[in-house]
Protein backbone atom coordinates (compact mmCIF):
# COMPACT_ATOMS: atom_id res chain seq x y z
CA MET A 1 177.89 65.79 86.86
CA LEU A 2 176.89 68.45 84.36
CA VAL A 3 180.55 69.43 83.89
CA LEU A 4 181.46 65.80 83.23
CA SER A 5 178.65 65.43 80.69
CA ALA A 6 179.66 68.60 78.87
CA LEU A 7 183.34 67.61 78.78
CA THR A 8 182.50 64.11 77.60
CA LEU A 9 180.28 65.40 74.82
CA SER A 10 182.89 67.93 73.67
CA MET A 11 185.61 65.28 73.65
CA ILE A 12 183.45 62.90 71.61
CA VAL A 13 182.83 65.68 69.11
CA CYS A 14 186.59 66.34 68.97
CA ALA A 15 187.24 62.63 68.48
CA ALA A 16 184.74 62.48 65.64
CA ALA A 17 186.34 65.51 63.99
CA VAL A 18 189.79 63.95 64.28
CA TRP A 19 188.47 60.63 62.97
CA PHE A 20 186.97 62.15 59.82
CA ASP A 21 189.49 64.95 59.23
CA VAL A 22 192.88 63.41 59.99
CA GLY A 23 192.41 59.73 59.28
CA ARG A 24 192.03 56.49 61.09
CA VAL A 25 192.03 56.50 64.88
CA ASP A 26 194.40 53.91 66.37
CA LEU A 27 193.53 54.46 70.03
CA PHE A 28 190.81 56.29 71.96
CA HIS A 29 190.88 56.60 75.75
CA LEU A 30 188.42 58.51 77.96
CA THR A 31 188.85 58.66 81.74
CA TYR A 32 186.89 60.26 84.56
CA PHE A 33 188.97 59.99 87.74
CA ASP A 34 187.40 60.67 91.16
CA SER A 35 190.25 61.38 93.58
CA CYS A 36 187.93 61.22 96.62
CA ALA A 37 186.96 57.61 95.90
CA ILE A 38 190.31 56.85 94.22
CA ARG A 39 188.34 55.37 91.36
CA ALA A 40 188.69 55.76 87.60
CA HIS A 41 185.88 55.21 85.12
CA GLN A 42 187.63 54.43 81.86
CA TRP A 43 186.52 53.73 78.30
CA HIS A 44 189.22 52.44 76.02
CA TRP A 45 189.44 51.23 72.42
CA GLN A 46 192.50 50.50 70.31
CA ASP A 47 193.15 49.00 66.90
CA ALA A 48 194.81 45.69 67.80
CA ARG A 49 196.21 45.34 64.26
CA ARG A 50 198.35 48.45 64.61
CA HIS A 51 198.93 48.35 68.40
CA PRO A 52 198.72 44.74 69.61
CA GLN A 53 200.05 45.56 73.11
CA VAL A 54 197.18 46.43 75.47
CA PHE A 55 197.77 49.84 77.03
CA ARG A 56 196.78 50.29 80.69
CA TYR A 57 196.36 53.58 82.51
CA ASP A 58 196.74 53.90 86.31
CA PHE A 59 195.72 57.14 87.98
CA SER A 60 195.46 55.89 91.57
CA LEU A 61 198.17 58.24 92.86
CA SER A 62 196.62 61.42 91.45
CA PRO A 63 195.59 63.94 94.15
CA VAL A 64 193.07 65.67 91.83
CA SER A 65 189.91 64.61 90.04
CA PHE A 66 189.94 65.06 86.27
CA VAL A 67 188.65 64.11 82.84
CA LEU A 68 191.16 62.92 80.24
CA VAL A 69 190.78 62.09 76.56
CA GLU A 70 193.66 60.70 74.53
CA ILE A 71 193.41 60.00 70.80
CA TRP A 72 196.14 58.42 68.69
CA VAL A 73 195.82 58.77 64.94
CA ARG A 74 197.76 57.47 61.98
CA GLU A 75 201.37 58.64 61.53
CA GLY A 76 202.05 59.06 65.24
CA LYS A 77 199.87 62.10 65.93
CA VAL A 78 198.50 62.20 69.49
CA PHE A 79 195.73 64.49 70.73
CA LYS A 80 195.38 64.79 74.49
CA PHE A 81 192.72 66.79 76.31
CA SER A 82 192.48 67.00 80.09
CA GLN A 83 190.61 69.08 82.63
CA SER A 84 190.90 68.96 86.40
CA LEU A 85 187.58 69.01 88.25
CA PRO A 86 186.82 71.09 91.37
CA ILE A 87 185.73 68.21 93.62
CA ASP A 88 185.94 68.79 97.39
CA CYS A 89 186.73 65.61 99.34
CA GLY A 90 186.10 67.31 102.66
CA ASN A 91 183.90 65.82 105.37
CA THR A 92 180.23 66.06 104.37
CA ASN A 93 178.84 64.89 107.75
CA ALA A 94 176.82 67.44 109.67
């Protein structure tokens, strides 16, 4: 959980830097995917004026757990950060 918190904080800092340095953010997407539970925790925001189509992300077929941040800024620039997480889905029963 500490790894997830650190990655989330660093990605938010990167997003803030992009926001203020490059220009307006059109889309921001943060995902934590747990491959053991086949469950994604996603936070998504997009500027509906510039991108009216709602973008959906589906990670259900991924065999690895990961954190992903995707940021779209004005003029078509896309920043994507991802990190796989060392989660063991092995049997935890004694």
